[in-house]
Amino acid sequence: MSSSWTPTSVLMPQEVEPFFQQLARLKAQGLAILFISHKLHEVFAHSDPSTPRR
């Protein structure tokens, strides 16, 4: 398990999509992925639907 705050912030623009493709492959294998980021457009684009709760 690896963790990083906003992992895509350290990537070059051309590295971002391969990163998300790798996450999709891991998800397809049944792994749960906790993606923490302040870039909400990335979170919503690459996550399953969810409902935030207080």
PDB file of N, CA and C in Angstrom:
ATOM      1  N   MET A   1       0.840  -1.173   0.000  1.00  0.00           N
ATOM      2  CA  MET A   1       0.000   0.000   0.000  1.00  0.00           C
ATOM      3  C   MET A   1       0.882   1.233   0.000  1.00  0.00           C
ATOM      4  N   SER A   2       0.510   2.171  -0.790  1.00  0.00           N
ATOM      5  CA  SER A   2       1.232   3.426  -0.865  1.00  0.00           C
ATOM      6  C   SER A   2       0.246   4.556  -0.657  1.00  0.00           C
ATOM      7  N   SER A   3       0.690   5.598  -0.034  1.00  0.00           N
ATOM      8  CA  SER A   3      -0.198   6.736   0.140  1.00  0.00           C
ATOM      9  C   SER A   3       0.556   8.015  -0.182  1.00  0.00           C
ATOM     10  N   SER A   4      -0.168   8.966  -0.644  1.00  0.00           N
ATOM     11  CA  SER A   4       0.405  10.250  -0.990  1.00  0.00           C
ATOM     12  C   SER A   4      -0.720  11.269  -0.999  1.00  0.00           C
ATOM     13  N   TRP A   5      -0.441  12.464  -0.613  1.00  0.00           N
ATOM     14  CA  TRP A   5      -1.438  13.521  -0.693  1.00  0.00           C
ATOM     15  C   TRP A   5      -1.381  14.104  -2.079  1.00  0.00           C
ATOM     16  N   THR A   6      -2.493  14.097  -2.756  1.00  0.00           N
ATOM     17  CA  THR A   6      -2.614  14.575  -4.126  1.00  0.00           C
ATOM     18  C   THR A   6      -1.492  13.993  -4.984  1.00  0.00           C
ATOM     19  N   PRO A   7      -1.553  12.701  -5.245  1.00  0.00           N
ATOM     20  CA  PRO A   7      -0.462  12.028  -5.951  1.00  0.00           C
ATOM     21  C   PRO A   7      -0.177  12.573  -7.344  1.00  0.00           C
ATOM     22  N   THR A   8      -1.189  13.131  -8.007  1.00  0.00           N
ATOM     23  CA  THR A   8      -0.947  13.617  -9.361  1.00  0.00           C
ATOM     24  C   THR A   8      -0.227  14.956  -9.390  1.00  0.00           C
ATOM     25  N   SER A   9      -0.109  15.610  -8.259  1.00  0.00           N
ATOM     26  CA  SER A   9       0.557  16.925  -8.250  1.00  0.00           C
ATOM     27  C   SER A   9       2.049  16.812  -8.544  1.00  0.00           C
ATOM     28  N   VAL A  10       2.628  15.649  -8.339  1.00  0.00           N
ATOM     29  CA  VAL A  10       4.059  15.469  -8.595  1.00  0.00           C
ATOM     30  C   VAL A  10       4.320  14.870  -9.971  1.00  0.00           C
ATOM     31  N   LEU A  11       3.266  14.593 -10.724  1.00  0.00           N
ATOM     32  CA  LEU A  11       3.409  13.989 -12.038  1.00  0.00           C
ATOM     33  C   LEU A  11       3.442  15.046 -13.131  1.00  0.00           C
ATOM     34  N   MET A  12       4.157  14.720 -14.198  1.00  0.00           N
ATOM     35  CA  MET A  12       4.118  15.562 -15.398  1.00  0.00           C
ATOM     36  C   MET A  12       2.747  15.359 -16.041  1.00  0.00           C
ATOM     37  N   PRO A  13       2.243  16.346 -16.775  1.00  0.00           N
ATOM     38  CA  PRO A  13       0.908  16.203 -17.375  1.00  0.00           C
ATOM     39  C   PRO A  13       0.741  14.918 -18.191  1.00  0.00           C
ATOM     40  N   GLN A  14       1.760  14.497 -18.915  1.00  0.00           N
ATOM     41  CA  GLN A  14       1.667  13.292 -19.734  1.00  0.00           C
ATOM     42  C   GLN A  14       1.712  12.006 -18.902  1.00  0.00           C
ATOM     43  N   GLU A  15       1.997  12.112 -17.610  1.00  0.00           N
ATOM     44  CA  GLU A  15       2.037  10.944 -16.734  1.00  0.00           C
ATOM     45  C   GLU A  15       0.725  10.702 -15.988  1.00  0.00           C
ATOM     46  N   VAL A  16      -0.155  11.677 -16.006  1.00  0.00           N
ATOM     47  CA  VAL A  16      -1.390  11.583 -15.208  1.00  0.00           C
ATOM     48  C   VAL A  16      -2.316  10.485 -15.725  1.00  0.00           C
ATOM     49  N   GLU A  17      -2.580  10.447 -17.021  1.00  0.00           N
ATOM     50  CA  GLU A  17      -3.510   9.443 -17.546  1.00  0.00           C
ATOM     51  C   GLU A  17      -2.975   8.023 -17.370  1.00  0.00           C
ATOM     52  N   PRO A  18      -1.694   7.737 -17.634  1.00  0.00           N
ATOM     53  CA  PRO A  18      -1.188   6.385 -17.337  1.00  0.00           C
ATOM     54  C   PRO A  18      -1.333   6.014 -15.855  1.00  0.00           C
ATOM     55  N   PHE A  19      -1.206   6.981 -14.964  1.00  0.00           N
ATOM     56  CA  PHE A  19      -1.408   6.736 -13.540  1.00  0.00           C
ATOM     57  C   PHE A  19      -2.831   6.250 -13.280  1.00  0.00           C
ATOM     58  N   PHE A  20      -3.813   6.952 -13.856  1.00  0.00           N
ATOM     59  CA  PHE A  20      -5.201   6.559 -13.657  1.00  0.00           C
ATOM     60  C   PHE A  20      -5.526   5.244 -14.361  1.00  0.00           C
ATOM     61  N   GLN A  21      -4.870   4.969 -15.479  1.00  0.00           N
ATOM     62  CA  GLN A  21      -5.057   3.680 -16.149  1.00  0.00           C
ATOM     63  C   GLN A  21      -4.559   2.543 -15.255  1.00  0.00           C
ATOM     64  N   GLN A  22      -3.445   2.753 -14.577  1.00  0.00           N
ATOM     65  CA  GLN A  22      -2.934   1.738 -13.652  1.00  0.00           C
ATOM     66  C   GLN A  22      -3.894   1.541 -12.487  1.00  0.00           C
ATOM     67  N   LEU A  23      -4.441   2.619 -11.957  1.00  0.00           N
ATOM     68  CA  LEU A  23      -5.433   2.484 -10.887  1.00  0.00           C
ATOM     69  C   LEU A  23      -6.645   1.683 -11.371  1.00  0.00           C
ATOM     70  N   ALA A  24      -7.070   1.917 -12.611  1.00  0.00           N
ATOM     71  CA  ALA A  24      -8.212   1.182 -13.161  1.00  0.00           C
ATOM     72  C   ALA A  24      -7.889  -0.308 -13.278  1.00  0.00           C
ATOM     73  N   ARG A  25      -6.664  -0.650 -13.665  1.00  0.00           N
ATOM     74  CA  ARG A  25      -6.275  -2.060 -13.743  1.00  0.00           C
ATOM     75  C   ARG A  25      -6.299  -2.705 -12.356  1.00  0.00           C
ATOM     76  N   LEU A  26      -5.811  -1.978 -11.357  1.00  0.00           N
ATOM     77  CA  LEU A  26      -5.828  -2.505  -9.987  1.00  0.00           C
ATOM     78  C   LEU A  26      -7.262  -2.699  -9.497  1.00  0.00           C
ATOM     79  N   LYS A  27      -8.122  -1.732  -9.815  1.00  0.00           N
ATOM     80  CA  LYS A  27      -9.533  -1.837  -9.437  1.00  0.00           C
ATOM     81  C   LYS A  27     -10.179  -3.049 -10.112  1.00  0.00           C
ATOM     82  N   ALA A  28      -9.843  -3.286 -11.377  1.00  0.00           N
ATOM     83  CA  ALA A  28     -10.392  -4.426 -12.108  1.00  0.00           C
ATOM     84  C   ALA A  28      -9.976  -5.756 -11.483  1.00  0.00           C
ATOM     85  N   GLN A  29      -8.873  -5.752 -10.763  1.00  0.00           N
ATOM     86  CA  GLN A  29      -8.403  -6.952 -10.069  1.00  0.00           C
ATOM     87  C   GLN A  29      -9.095  -7.120  -8.716  1.00  0.00           C
ATOM     88  N   GLY A  30      -9.962  -6.177  -8.372  1.00  0.00           N
ATOM     89  CA  GLY A  30     -10.719  -6.278  -7.138  1.00  0.00           C
ATOM     90  C   GLY A  30     -10.105  -5.550  -5.955  1.00  0.00           C
ATOM     91  N   LEU A  31      -9.071  -4.764  -6.194  1.00  0.00           N
ATOM     92  CA  LEU A  31      -8.447  -4.021  -5.109  1.00  0.00           C
ATOM     93  C   LEU A  31      -9.230  -2.754  -4.802  1.00  0.00           C
ATOM     94  N   ALA A  32      -9.308  -2.428  -3.540  1.00  0.00           N
ATOM     95  CA  ALA A  32      -9.918  -1.166  -3.122  1.00  0.00           C
ATOM     96  C   ALA A  32      -8.837  -0.096  -3.142  1.00  0.00           C
ATOM     97  N   ILE A  33      -9.174   1.064  -3.626  1.00  0.00           N
ATOM     98  CA  ILE A  33      -8.213   2.160  -3.734  1.00  0.00           C
ATOM     99  C   ILE A  33      -8.786   3.373  -3.014  1.00  0.00           C
ATOM    100  N   LEU A  34      -8.009   3.906  -2.118  1.00  0.00           N
ATOM    101  CA  LEU A  34      -8.383   5.133  -1.431  1.00  0.00           C
ATOM    102  C   LEU A  34      -7.557   6.252  -2.050  1.00  0.00           C
ATOM    103  N   PHE A  35      -8.222   7.121  -2.780  1.00  0.00           N
ATOM    104  CA  PHE A  35      -7.549   8.203  -3.497  1.00  0.00           C
ATOM    105  C   PHE A  35      -7.883   9.507  -2.797  1.00  0.00           C
ATOM    106  N   ILE A  36      -6.879  10.149  -2.242  1.00  0.00           N
ATOM    107  CA  ILE A  36      -7.074  11.407  -1.519  1.00  0.00           C
ATOM    108  C   ILE A  36      -6.458  12.524  -2.345  1.00  0.00           C
ATOM    109  N   SER A  37      -7.254  13.531  -2.646  1.00  0.00           N
ATOM    110  CA  SER A  37      -6.759  14.630  -3.477  1.00  0.00           C
ATOM    111  C   SER A  37      -7.605  15.869  -3.252  1.00  0.00           C
ATOM    112  N   HIS A  38      -6.988  17.020  -3.443  1.00  0.00           N
ATOM    113  CA  HIS A  38      -7.764  18.255  -3.423  1.00  0.00           C
ATOM    114  C   HIS A  38      -8.225  18.618  -4.834  1.00  0.00           C
ATOM    115  N   LYS A  39      -7.807  17.829  -5.819  1.00  0.00           N
ATOM    116  CA  LYS A  39      -8.239  18.046  -7.206  1.00  0.00           C
ATOM    117  C   LYS A  39      -9.534  17.266  -7.423  1.00  0.00           C
ATOM    118  N   LEU A  40     -10.644  17.892  -7.046  1.00  0.00           N
ATOM    119  CA  LEU A  40     -11.917  17.194  -7.056  1.00  0.00           C
ATOM    120  C   LEU A  40     -12.334  16.722  -8.438  1.00  0.00           C
ATOM    121  N   HIS A  41     -11.925  17.425  -9.482  1.00  0.00           N
ATOM    122  CA  HIS A  41     -12.286  16.968 -10.827  1.00  0.00           C
ATOM    123  C   HIS A  41     -11.670  15.596 -11.111  1.00  0.00           C
ATOM    124  N   GLU A  42     -10.474  15.318 -10.592  1.00  0.00           N
ATOM    125  CA  GLU A  42      -9.869  14.001 -10.752  1.00  0.00           C
ATOM    126  C   GLU A  42     -10.589  12.957  -9.902  1.00  0.00           C
ATOM    127  N   VAL A  43     -10.942  13.332  -8.699  1.00  0.00           N
ATOM    128  CA  VAL A  43     -11.644  12.403  -7.808  1.00  0.00           C
ATOM    129  C   VAL A  43     -12.964  11.966  -8.442  1.00  0.00           C
ATOM    130  N   PHE A  44     -13.760  12.915  -8.904  1.00  0.00           N
ATOM    131  CA  PHE A  44     -15.064  12.588  -9.487  1.00  0.00           C
ATOM    132  C   PHE A  44     -14.936  11.856 -10.814  1.00  0.00           C
ATOM    133  N   ALA A  45     -13.917  12.164 -11.585  1.00  0.00           N
ATOM    134  CA  ALA A  45     -13.740  11.520 -12.894  1.00  0.00           C
ATOM    135  C   ALA A  45     -13.311  10.063 -12.771  1.00  0.00           C
ATOM    136  N   HIS A  46     -12.657   9.707 -11.673  1.00  0.00           N
ATOM    137  CA  HIS A  46     -12.057   8.374 -11.584  1.00  0.00           C
ATOM    138  C   HIS A  46     -12.534   7.554 -10.389  1.00  0.00           C
ATOM    139  N   SER A  47     -13.639   7.944  -9.799  1.00  0.00           N
ATOM    140  CA  SER A  47     -14.125   7.185  -8.642  1.00  0.00           C
ATOM    141  C   SER A  47     -15.517   6.630  -8.912  1.00  0.00           C
ATOM    142  N   ASP A  48     -15.878   5.639  -8.117  1.00  0.00           N
ATOM    143  CA  ASP A  48     -17.239   5.125  -8.161  1.00  0.00           C
ATOM    144  C   ASP A  48     -18.156   6.162  -7.527  1.00  0.00           C
ATOM    145  N   PRO A  49     -19.428   6.153  -7.900  1.00  0.00           N
ATOM    146  CA  PRO A  49     -20.369   7.067  -7.250  1.00  0.00           C
ATOM    147  C   PRO A  49     -20.394   6.815  -5.729  1.00  0.00           C
ATOM    148  N   SER A  50     -20.486   7.885  -4.989  1.00  0.00           N
ATOM    149  CA  SER A  50     -20.541   7.760  -3.534  1.00  0.00           C
ATOM    150  C   SER A  50     -21.380   8.899  -2.969  1.00  0.00           C
ATOM    151  N   THR A  51     -21.726   8.750  -1.722  1.00  0.00           N
ATOM    152  CA  THR A  51     -22.492   9.773  -1.039  1.00  0.00           C
ATOM    153  C   THR A  51     -21.709  10.219   0.205  1.00  0.00           C
ATOM    154  N   PRO A  52     -21.236  11.450   0.193  1.00  0.00           N
ATOM    155  CA  PRO A  52     -20.535  11.945   1.392  1.00  0.00           C
ATOM    156  C   PRO A  52     -21.511  12.049   2.558  1.00  0.00           C
ATOM    157  N   ARG A  53     -21.016  11.742   3.728  1.00  0.00           N
ATOM    158  CA  ARG A  53     -21.837  11.855   4.936  1.00  0.00           C
ATOM    159  C   ARG A  53     -21.083  12.630   5.984  1.00  0.00           C
ATOM    160  N   ARG A  54     -21.836  13.311   6.805  1.00  0.00           N
ATOM    161  CA  ARG A  54     -21.230  14.067   7.910  1.00  0.00           C
ATOM    162  C   ARG A  54     -21.042  13.179   9.095  1.00  0.00           C
TER     163      ARG A  54
END
